[in-house]
C-alpha atoms as a PDB file:
ATOM      1  CA  MET A   1       0.000   0.000   0.000  1.00  0.00           C
ATOM      2  CA  LEU A   2       1.417   3.373  -1.037  1.00  0.00           C
ATOM      3  CA  ILE A   3       1.059   6.274   1.377  1.00  0.00           C
ATOM      4  CA  THR A   4       1.763   9.980   0.810  1.00  0.00           C
ATOM      5  CA  LYS A   5       4.390  11.582   3.033  1.00  0.00           C
ATOM      6  CA  ALA A   6       4.337  15.238   4.086  1.00  0.00           C
ATOM      7  CA  ASN A   7       6.798  16.203   1.324  1.00  0.00           C
ATOM      8  CA  GLY A   8       4.584  14.593  -1.331  1.00  0.00           C
ATOM      9  CA  ASP A   9       6.653  11.424  -1.809  1.00  0.00           C
ATOM     10  CA  LYS A  10       4.783   8.162  -2.305  1.00  0.00           C
ATOM     11  CA  VAL A  11       6.266   5.303  -0.283  1.00  0.00           C
ATOM     12  CA  GLN A  12       5.257   1.829   0.805  1.00  0.00           C
ATOM     13  CA  PHE A  13       3.645   1.621   4.220  1.00  0.00           C
ATOM     14  CA  ASN A  14       6.041  -0.395   6.383  1.00  0.00           C
ATOM     15  CA  LYS A  15       3.990  -2.132   9.052  1.00  0.00           C
ATOM     16  CA  ASN A  16       7.046  -3.333  10.998  1.00  0.00           C
ATOM     17  CA  GLU A  17       8.556   0.167  11.190  1.00  0.00           C
ATOM     18  CA  TYR A  18       5.186   1.581  12.216  1.00  0.00           C
ATOM     19  CA  GLN A  19       4.783  -0.937  15.037  1.00  0.00           C
ATOM     20  CA  SER A  20       8.380  -0.299  16.115  1.00  0.00           C
ATOM     21  CA  SER A  21       7.563   3.418  16.508  1.00  0.00           C
ATOM     22  CA  LEU A  22       4.646   2.470  18.762  1.00  0.00           C
ATOM     23  CA  GLN A  23       6.906   0.296  20.907  1.00  0.00           C
ATOM     24  CA  LYS A  24       9.323   3.225  21.296  1.00  0.00           C
ATOM     25  CA  ALA A  25       6.403   5.220  22.694  1.00  0.00           C
ATOM     26  CA  GLY A  26       5.961   2.557  25.375  1.00  0.00           C
ATOM     27  CA  LEU A  27       3.502   0.022  23.972  1.00  0.00           C
ATOM     28  CA  THR A  28       4.109  -3.686  24.391  1.00  0.00           C
ATOM     29  CA  VAL A  29       4.688  -5.852  21.324  1.00  0.00           C
ATOM     30  CA  SER A  30       1.128  -7.170  21.441  1.00  0.00           C
ATOM     31  CA  GLU A  31      -0.364  -3.665  21.912  1.00  0.00           C
ATOM     32  CA  ALA A  32       1.683  -2.308  18.997  1.00  0.00           C
ATOM     33  CA  ARG A  33       0.591  -5.228  16.827  1.00  0.00           C
ATOM     34  CA  GLU A  34      -3.058  -4.652  17.755  1.00  0.00           C
ATOM     35  CA  ILE A  35      -2.969  -0.959  16.765  1.00  0.00           C
ATOM     36  CA  GLY A  36      -0.871  -1.769  13.702  1.00  0.00           C
ATOM     37  CA  ASN A  37      -3.548  -4.192  12.525  1.00  0.00           C
ATOM     38  CA  GLN A  38      -6.307  -1.610  13.111  1.00  0.00           C
ATOM     39  CA  ILE A  39      -4.427   1.064  11.162  1.00  0.00           C
ATOM     40  CA  TYR A  40      -3.538  -1.347   8.357  1.00  0.00           C
ATOM     41  CA  GLN A  41      -7.207  -2.249   7.899  1.00  0.00           C
ATOM     42  CA  ASP A  42      -8.086   1.455   7.513  1.00  0.00           C
ATOM     43  CA  LEU A  43      -5.447   2.216   4.875  1.00  0.00           C
ATOM     44  CA  TYR A  44      -6.453   3.263   1.381  1.00  0.00           C
ATOM     45  CA  PRO A  45      -4.241   4.062  -1.633  1.00  0.00           C
ATOM     46  CA  GLU A  46      -2.074   7.166  -1.131  1.00  0.00           C
ATOM     47  CA  ILE A  47      -3.486   8.012   2.311  1.00  0.00           C
ATOM     48  CA  SER A  48      -1.472  10.846   3.853  1.00  0.00           C
ATOM     49  CA  SER A  49       0.994  10.146   6.658  1.00  0.00           C
ATOM     50  CA  ARG A  50      -0.797  12.915   8.597  1.00  0.00           C
ATOM     51  CA  ASN A  51      -4.077  10.972   8.519  1.00  0.00           C
ATOM     52  CA  ILE A  52      -2.268   7.862   9.757  1.00  0.00           C
ATOM     53  CA  TYR A  53      -0.741   9.928  12.562  1.00  0.00           C
ATOM     54  CA  LEU A  54      -4.125  11.389  13.593  1.00  0.00           C
ATOM     55  CA  LYS A  55      -5.793   7.967  13.575  1.00  0.00           C
ATOM     56  CA  THR A  56      -2.943   6.606  15.698  1.00  0.00           C
ATOM     57  CA  GLN A  57      -3.218   9.460  18.184  1.00  0.00           C
ATOM     58  CA  ARG A  58      -6.924   8.821  18.660  1.00  0.00           C
ATOM     59  CA  LEU A  59      -6.246   5.155  19.422  1.00  0.00           C
ATOM     60  CA  LEU A  60      -3.387   5.957  21.806  1.00  0.00           C
ATOM     61  CA  LYS A  61      -5.378   8.571  23.738  1.00  0.00           C
ATOM     62  CA  ARG A  62      -7.978   5.923  24.493  1.00  0.00           C
ATOM     63  CA  LYS A  63      -5.220   3.909  26.150  1.00  0.00           C
ATOM     64  CA  ASP A  64      -3.072   6.523  27.887  1.00  0.00           C
ATOM     65  CA  ASN A  65      -2.253  10.234  27.479  1.00  0.00           C
ATOM     66  CA  VAL A  66       1.403   9.531  28.284  1.00  0.00           C
ATOM     67  CA  LEU A  67       1.687   7.074  25.392  1.00  0.00           C
ATOM     68  CA  SER A  68       0.063   9.648  23.132  1.00  0.00           C
ATOM     69  CA  ALA A  69       2.520  12.339  24.267  1.00  0.00           C
ATOM     70  CA  ARG A  70       5.557  10.134  23.670  1.00  0.00           C
ATOM     71  CA  TYR A  71       4.358   9.183  20.198  1.00  0.00           C
ATOM     72  CA  SER A  72       3.846  12.851  19.270  1.00  0.00           C
ATOM     73  CA  LEU A  73       7.427  13.944  20.066  1.00  0.00           C
ATOM     74  CA  LYS A  74       8.193  15.138  16.529  1.00  0.00           C
ATOM     75  CA  LYS A  75       5.006  17.208  16.405  1.00  0.00           C
ATOM     76  CA  ALA A  76       5.728  18.575  19.890  1.00  0.00           C
ATOM     77  CA  ILE A  77       9.095  19.906  18.738  1.00  0.00           C
ATOM     78  CA  MET A  78       7.477  21.492  15.682  1.00  0.00           C
ATOM     79  CA  SER A  79       5.097  23.246  18.076  1.00  0.00           C
ATOM     80  CA  LEU A  80       7.948  25.007  19.862  1.00  0.00           C
ATOM     81  CA  GLY A  81       7.859  27.875  17.325  1.00  0.00           C
ATOM     82  CA  PRO A  82       6.638  29.808  15.545  1.00  0.00           C
ATOM     83  CA  THR A  83      10.280  30.907  15.135  1.00  0.00           C
ATOM     84  CA  GLY A  84      13.449  28.933  15.812  1.00  0.00           C
ATOM     85  CA  PHE A  85      14.422  30.856  18.951  1.00  0.00           C
ATOM     86  CA  PHE A  86      12.607  28.555  21.374  1.00  0.00           C
ATOM     87  CA  PHE A  87      14.044  25.496  19.604  1.00  0.00           C
ATOM     88  CA  GLU A  88      17.515  26.941  20.321  1.00  0.00           C
ATOM     89  CA  ARG A  89      16.646  27.329  23.998  1.00  0.00           C
ATOM     90  CA  TYR A  90      15.246  23.809  24.054  1.00  0.00           C
ATOM     91  CA  MET A  91      18.377  22.305  22.474  1.00  0.00           C
ATOM     92  CA  ALA A  92      20.589  24.267  24.892  1.00  0.00           C
ATOM     93  CA  ALA A  93      18.606  22.717  27.770  1.00  0.00           C
ATOM     94  CA  VAL A  94      19.017  19.229  26.257  1.00  0.00           C
ATOM     95  CA  LEU A  95      22.779  19.716  25.858  1.00  0.00           C
ATOM     96  CA  ASN A  96      23.043  21.026  29.436  1.00  0.00           C
ATOM     97  CA  THR A  97      21.597  17.730  30.643  1.00  0.00           C
ATOM     98  CA  TYR A  98      24.371  15.904  28.771  1.00  0.00           C
ATOM     99  CA  GLY A  99      27.051  17.891  30.558  1.00  0.00           C
ATOM    100  CA  TYR A 100      27.612  20.758  28.121  1.00  0.00           C
ATOM    101  CA  LYS A 101      27.898  24.353  29.273  1.00  0.00           C
ATOM    102  CA  THR A 102      25.875  26.408  26.828  1.00  0.00           C
ATOM    103  CA  LYS A 103      25.080  29.943  25.785  1.00  0.00           C
ATOM    104  CA  TYR A 104      22.475  30.669  23.134  1.00  0.00           C
ATOM    105  CA  ASP A 105      21.739  33.553  20.770  1.00  0.00           C
ATOM    106  CA  GLN A 106      25.300  34.871  20.746  1.00  0.00           C
ATOM    107  CA  ILE A 107      26.666  37.626  18.468  1.00  0.00           C
ATOM    108  CA  LEU A 108      30.333  36.846  17.768  1.00  0.00           C
ATOM    109  CA  LYS A 109      32.906  38.791  15.789  1.00  0.00           C
ATOM    110  CA  GLY A 110      34.665  36.807  13.084  1.00  0.00           C
ATOM    111  CA  LYS A 111      37.653  37.605  10.881  1.00  0.00           C
ATOM    112  CA  CYS A 112      35.428  39.120   8.216  1.00  0.00           C
ATOM    113  CA  THR A 113      32.041  39.879   9.797  1.00  0.00           C
ATOM    114  CA  ASN A 114      29.823  39.409  12.840  1.00  0.00           C
ATOM    115  CA  HIS A 115      27.766  36.240  13.179  1.00  0.00           C
ATOM    116  CA  GLU A 116      24.660  35.302  15.124  1.00  0.00           C
ATOM    117  CA  VAL A 117      25.511  31.912  16.624  1.00  0.00           C
ATOM    118  CA  ASP A 118      22.575  29.875  17.907  1.00  0.00           C
ATOM    119  CA  ILE A 119      24.459  27.927  20.602  1.00  0.00           C
ATOM    120  CA  VAL A 120      28.016  27.969  21.915  1.00  0.00           C
ATOM    121  CA  ALA A 121      28.667  24.720  23.828  1.00  0.00           C
ATOM    122  CA  GLU A 122      31.677  23.556  25.828  1.00  0.00           C
ATOM    123  CA  LYS A 123      32.524  20.132  27.211  1.00  0.00           C
ATOM    124  CA  ASP A 124      35.736  18.277  28.110  1.00  0.00           C
ATOM    125  CA  GLY A 125      37.915  21.187  27.036  1.00  0.00           C
ATOM    126  CA  LYS A 126      36.300  21.418  23.599  1.00  0.00           C
ATOM    127  CA  LYS A 127      34.220  24.278  22.241  1.00  0.00           C
ATOM    128  CA  PHE A 128      31.505  23.861  19.624  1.00  0.00           C
ATOM    129  CA  MET A 129      29.708  26.276  17.324  1.00  0.00           C
ATOM    130  CA  ILE A 130      26.152  25.025  16.875  1.00  0.00           C
ATOM    131  CA  GLU A 131      23.656  26.056  14.206  1.00  0.00           C
ATOM    132  CA  CYS A 132      20.021  25.099  14.938  1.00  0.00           C
ATOM    133  CA  LYS A 133      17.792  24.744  11.883  1.00  0.00           C
ATOM    134  CA  TYR A 134      14.159  24.634  12.927  1.00  0.00           C
ATOM    135  CA  HIS A 135      11.165  23.730  10.772  1.00  0.00           C
ATOM    136  CA  ASN A 136       7.585  24.088  12.048  1.00  0.00           C
ATOM    137  CA  GLN A 137       6.037  22.105   9.191  1.00  0.00           C
ATOM    138  CA  PRO A 138       6.526  18.429   8.269  1.00  0.00           C
ATOM    139  CA  GLY A 139       8.092  17.489   4.953  1.00  0.00           C
ATOM    140  CA  LEU A 140      10.767  20.212   4.958  1.00  0.00           C
ATOM    141  CA  ARG A 141      14.467  19.292   4.915  1.00  0.00           C
ATOM    142  CA  SER A 142      17.666  21.137   5.721  1.00  0.00           C
ATOM    143  CA  ASP A 143      19.504  21.368   2.427  1.00  0.00           C
ATOM    144  CA  LEU A 144      23.032  21.905   1.137  1.00  0.00           C
ATOM    145  CA  HIS A 145      22.816  25.692   1.581  1.00  0.00           C
ATOM    146  CA  VAL A 146      22.265  25.238   5.337  1.00  0.00           C
ATOM    147  CA  ALA A 147      25.343  23.026   5.608  1.00  0.00           C
ATOM    148  CA  LEU A 148      27.388  25.464   3.499  1.00  0.00           C
ATOM    149  CA  TYR A 149      26.625  28.573   5.535  1.00  0.00           C
ATOM    150  CA  THR A 150      27.053  26.705   8.832  1.00  0.00           C
ATOM    151  CA  TYR A 151      30.554  25.628   7.865  1.00  0.00           C
ATOM    152  CA  ALA A 152      31.390  29.063   6.424  1.00  0.00           C
ATOM    153  CA  ARG A 153      30.497  30.669   9.764  1.00  0.00           C
ATOM    154  CA  PHE A 154      32.685  28.164  11.559  1.00  0.00           C
ATOM    155  CA  LEU A 155      35.672  28.982   9.313  1.00  0.00           C
ATOM    156  CA  ASP A 156      35.290  32.714   9.988  1.00  0.00           C
ATOM    157  CA  LEU A 157      34.975  32.236  13.765  1.00  0.00           C
ATOM    158  CA  LYS A 158      37.088  29.228  14.728  1.00  0.00           C
ATOM    159  CA  ASP A 159      40.516  30.878  15.166  1.00  0.00           C
ATOM    160  CA  ILE A 160      39.297  33.933  17.070  1.00  0.00           C
ATOM    161  CA  HIS A 161      36.963  32.005  19.397  1.00  0.00           C
ATOM    162  CA  HIS A 162      38.910  28.717  19.507  1.00  0.00           C
ATOM    163  CA  PHE A 163      36.068  26.551  18.250  1.00  0.00           C
ATOM    164  CA  THR A 164      36.892  22.847  17.987  1.00  0.00           C
ATOM    165  CA  ALA A 165      34.135  21.787  15.586  1.00  0.00           C
ATOM    166  CA  PRO A 166      30.803  22.869  14.074  1.00  0.00           C
ATOM    167  CA  PHE A 167      27.435  21.183  14.696  1.00  0.00           C
ATOM    168  CA  LEU A 168      24.198  21.430  12.739  1.00  0.00           C
ATOM    169  CA  ILE A 169      21.132  20.389  14.744  1.00  0.00           C
ATOM    170  CA  THR A 170      17.791  20.164  12.950  1.00  0.00           C
ATOM    171  CA  ASN A 171      14.379  18.828  13.965  1.00  0.00           C
ATOM    172  CA  THR A 172      13.755  17.313  10.523  1.00  0.00           C
ATOM    173  CA  LEU A 173      15.753  15.434   7.904  1.00  0.00           C
ATOM    174  CA  CYS A 174      18.662  16.680   5.811  1.00  0.00           C
ATOM    175  CA  THR A 175      19.080  16.213   2.075  1.00  0.00           C
ATOM    176  CA  SER A 176      21.659  13.728   0.808  1.00  0.00           C
ATOM    177  CA  GLN A 177      23.712  16.626  -0.599  1.00  0.00           C
ATOM    178  CA  ALA A 178      23.874  18.274   2.834  1.00  0.00           C
ATOM    179  CA  ILE A 179      24.862  14.984   4.476  1.00  0.00           C
ATOM    180  CA  ASN A 180      27.578  14.264   1.895  1.00  0.00           C
ATOM    181  CA  TYR A 181      29.038  17.769   2.209  1.00  0.00           C
ATOM    182  CA  ALA A 182      28.969  17.621   6.006  1.00  0.00           C
ATOM    183  CA  GLY A 183      30.804  14.301   5.969  1.00  0.00           C
ATOM    184  CA  CYS A 184      33.461  15.740   3.681  1.00  0.00           C
ATOM    185  CA  VAL A 185      34.252  18.867   5.758  1.00  0.00           C
ATOM    186  CA  GLY A 186      33.712  17.430   9.258  1.00  0.00           C
ATOM    187  CA  LEU A 187      30.420  19.126  10.066  1.00  0.00           C
ATOM    188  CA  LYS A 188      28.463  16.996  12.545  1.00  0.00           C
ATOM    189  CA  ILE A 189      24.741  16.750  11.833  1.00  0.00           C
ATOM    190  CA  ILE A 190      22.175  15.739  14.450  1.00  0.00           C
ATOM    191  CA  GLY A 191      18.681  15.423  13.000  1.00  0.00           C
ATOM    192  CA  TRP A 192      15.524  13.370  13.018  1.00  0.00           C
ATOM    193  CA  HIS A 193      16.498   9.718  12.474  1.00  0.00           C
ATOM    194  CA  TYR A 194      20.049  10.898  11.724  1.00  0.00           C
ATOM    195  CA  PRO A 195      22.599   9.568  12.346  1.00  0.00           C
ATOM    196  CA  ALA A 196      20.989   6.188  12.896  1.00  0.00           C
ATOM    197  CA  GLY A 197      20.932   4.920  16.452  1.00  0.00           C
ATOM    198  CA  GLU A 198      22.165   6.701  19.553  1.00  0.00           C
ATOM    199  CA  GLU A 199      23.343   9.888  17.816  1.00  0.00           C
ATOM    200  CA  SER A 200      19.939  10.900  16.414  1.00  0.00           C
ATOM    201  CA  LEU A 201      17.951  13.806  17.838  1.00  0.00           C
ATOM    202  CA  GLU A 202      15.091  11.683  19.101  1.00  0.00           C
ATOM    203  CA  HIS A 203      17.494   9.351  20.927  1.00  0.00           C
ATOM    204  CA  TYR A 204      19.141  12.275  22.737  1.00  0.00           C
ATOM    205  CA  ILE A 205      15.672  13.323  23.884  1.00  0.00           C
ATOM    206  CA  GLU A 206      14.125   9.947  24.688  1.00  0.00           C
ATOM    207  CA  ALA A 207      17.163   8.469  26.462  1.00  0.00           C
ATOM    208  CA  LYS A 208      16.811  11.006  29.294  1.00  0.00           C
ATOM    209  CA  LYS A 209      13.095  11.809  28.869  1.00  0.00           C
ATOM    210  CA  LEU A 210      13.891  15.391  27.825  1.00  0.00           C
ATOM    211  CA  TYR A 211      10.478  16.062  26.312  1.00  0.00           C
ATOM    212  CA  PRO A 212       9.499  19.674  25.597  1.00  0.00           C
ATOM    213  CA  VAL A 213       6.524  21.103  27.466  1.00  0.00           C
ATOM    214  CA  THR A 214       4.648  21.068  24.142  1.00  0.00           C
ATOM    215  CA  ALA A 215       4.498  17.267  24.425  1.00  0.00           C
ATOM    216  CA  LEU A 216       1.823  17.540  27.123  1.00  0.00           C
ATOM    217  CA  THR A 217      -1.549  16.585  25.683  1.00  0.00           C
ATOM    218  CA  ASN A 218      -3.383  19.379  27.530  1.00  0.00           C
ATOM    219  CA  MET A 219      -1.097  22.061  26.085  1.00  0.00           C
ATOM    220  CA  ASN A 220      -2.793  24.763  23.975  1.00  0.00           C
ATOM    221  CA  ASN A 221      -1.472  27.768  22.045  1.00  0.00           C
ATOM    222  CA  ALA A 222      -2.057  30.258  24.854  1.00  0.00           C
ATOM    223  CA  LEU A 223      -0.366  28.044  27.431  1.00  0.00           C
ATOM    224  CA  ASN A 224       2.487  27.339  25.029  1.00  0.00           C
ATOM    225  CA  GLU A 225       3.057  31.079  24.645  1.00  0.00           C
ATOM    226  CA  LYS A 226       2.991  31.543  28.436  1.00  0.00           C
ATOM    227  CA  CYS A 227       5.597  28.798  28.871  1.00  0.00           C
ATOM    228  CA  ARG A 228       7.801  30.547  26.310  1.00  0.00           C
ATOM    229  CA  GLN A 229       7.485  33.809  28.218  1.00  0.00           C
ATOM    230  CA  GLU A 230       8.360  32.097  31.512  1.00  0.00           C
ATOM    231  CA  ASN A 231      11.267  30.144  29.933  1.00  0.00           C
ATOM    232  CA  LEU A 232       9.720  26.786  30.842  1.00  0.00           C
ATOM    233  CA  VAL A 233      11.247  24.499  28.225  1.00  0.00           C
ATOM    234  CA  LEU A 234      11.459  20.910  29.456  1.00  0.00           C
ATOM    235  CA  ILE A 235       8.760  18.919  31.225  1.00  0.00           C
ATOM    236  CA  GLN A 236      11.263  18.655  34.102  1.00  0.00           C
ATOM    237  CA  ASP A 237      10.964  22.431  34.511  1.00  0.00           C
ATOM    238  CA  LEU A 238       7.352  21.974  35.608  1.00  0.00           C
ATOM    239  CA  LEU A 239       8.357  19.497  38.303  1.00  0.00           C
ATOM    240  CA  LYS A 240      10.156  22.263  40.196  1.00  0.00           C
ATOM    241  CA  PHE A 241       6.773  23.772  41.099  1.00  0.00           C
ATOM    242  CA  THR A 242       3.917  22.901  43.404  1.00  0.00           C
ATOM    243  CA  PRO A 243       0.445  23.033  41.818  1.00  0.00           C
ATOM    244  CA  THR A 244      -0.162  26.324  43.626  1.00  0.00           C
ATOM    245  CA  SER A 245       3.057  28.008  42.486  1.00  0.00           C
ATOM    246  CA  LEU A 246       2.722  26.738  38.895  1.00  0.00           C
ATOM    247  CA  ALA A 247      -0.882  27.956  38.742  1.00  0.00           C
ATOM    248  CA  LYS A 248       0.285  31.446  39.734  1.00  0.00           C
ATOM    249  CA  ARG A 249       3.208  31.362  37.291  1.00  0.00           C
ATOM    250  CA  LEU A 250       1.081  30.317  34.323  1.00  0.00           C
ATOM    251  CA  MET A 251      -2.110  32.064  35.465  1.00  0.00           C
ATOM    252  CA  VAL A 252      -4.206  28.906  35.294  1.00  0.00           C
ATOM    253  CA  LYS A 253      -6.435  27.094  37.786  1.00  0.00           C
ATOM    254  CA  GLU A 254      -4.665  25.017  40.396  1.00  0.00           C
ATOM    255  CA  ARG A 255      -6.426  21.820  39.350  1.00  0.00           C
ATOM    256  CA  PHE A 256      -5.220  22.323  35.780  1.00  0.00           C
ATOM    257  CA  ALA A 257      -1.665  23.038  37.013  1.00  0.00           C
ATOM    258  CA  GLU A 258      -1.822  19.815  39.011  1.00  0.00           C
ATOM    259  CA  SER A 259      -2.765  17.876  35.855  1.00  0.00           C
ATOM    260  CA  LEU A 260       0.213  19.409  34.008  1.00  0.00           C
ATOM    261  CA  ILE A 261       2.600  18.369  36.770  1.00  0.00           C
ATOM    262  CA  SER A 262       1.077  14.885  36.950  1.00  0.00           C
ATOM    263  CA  GLN A 263       1.491  14.272  33.226  1.00  0.00           C
ATOM    264  CA  ALA A 264       5.007  15.757  33.226  1.00  0.00           C
ATOM    265  CA  ARG A 265       5.974  13.424  36.078  1.00  0.00           C
ATOM    266  CA  ALA A 266       4.601  10.406  34.222  1.00  0.00           C
ATOM    267  CA  LEU A 267       6.495  11.365  31.043  1.00  0.00           C
ATOM    268  CA  ALA A 268       9.740  11.893  32.962  1.00  0.00           C
ATOM    269  CA  GLN A 269       9.676   8.388  34.488  1.00  0.00           C
END
């Protein structure tokens, strides 16, 4: 059965990969197989991946909001926007958890011009220049031009600021041209499903349960904006509050604040 991805590509629906994604969200093998069978029965030629996602979310919410939140990680990151600034803050918080010292939104003077650097990170005596490329719509990819200007910035800055290496972090995929160029010049890319395994963006997040606050199923646009204003980035940030103090901070009812904390605690386990 061919399905239509967000970028318009037609690909075969891979039932095993689909069920594997459900297991990553926390379902057992039998539960993932059960939902996989339900979804497979509802497929029709060239159904959109978005429709499959929405159908899956409905089934997961009937089981558990936490499972639904884990499965929607990619969408949650895309909801960090509308601009890339909050994604930069989020990635700085993720890197901090892995032992990096970070500064974000830095203006640095290079040999030839000034540069706006998304994140400067230091760890084990090494210093990294990090470009964050954020997309708030599915189907978009970071292309060769992104890799080119990231590396060009690094070349102009590295001697003055003693940078060890450049990173490109993106919440979507990269084109094959960008990946090939990055491999040639030594630009490390961290993206969705790339590199495969423990170096991919989702693994960095899921390994330490570093979900953004937008992963909470009771999050809405107004609350999302309030969290941005209060610099509440990770679900762990909410666990620092009591229901009373969080309700005052976000200007919501205490019972609602308690539900936010409860879901954040369940996701962080």
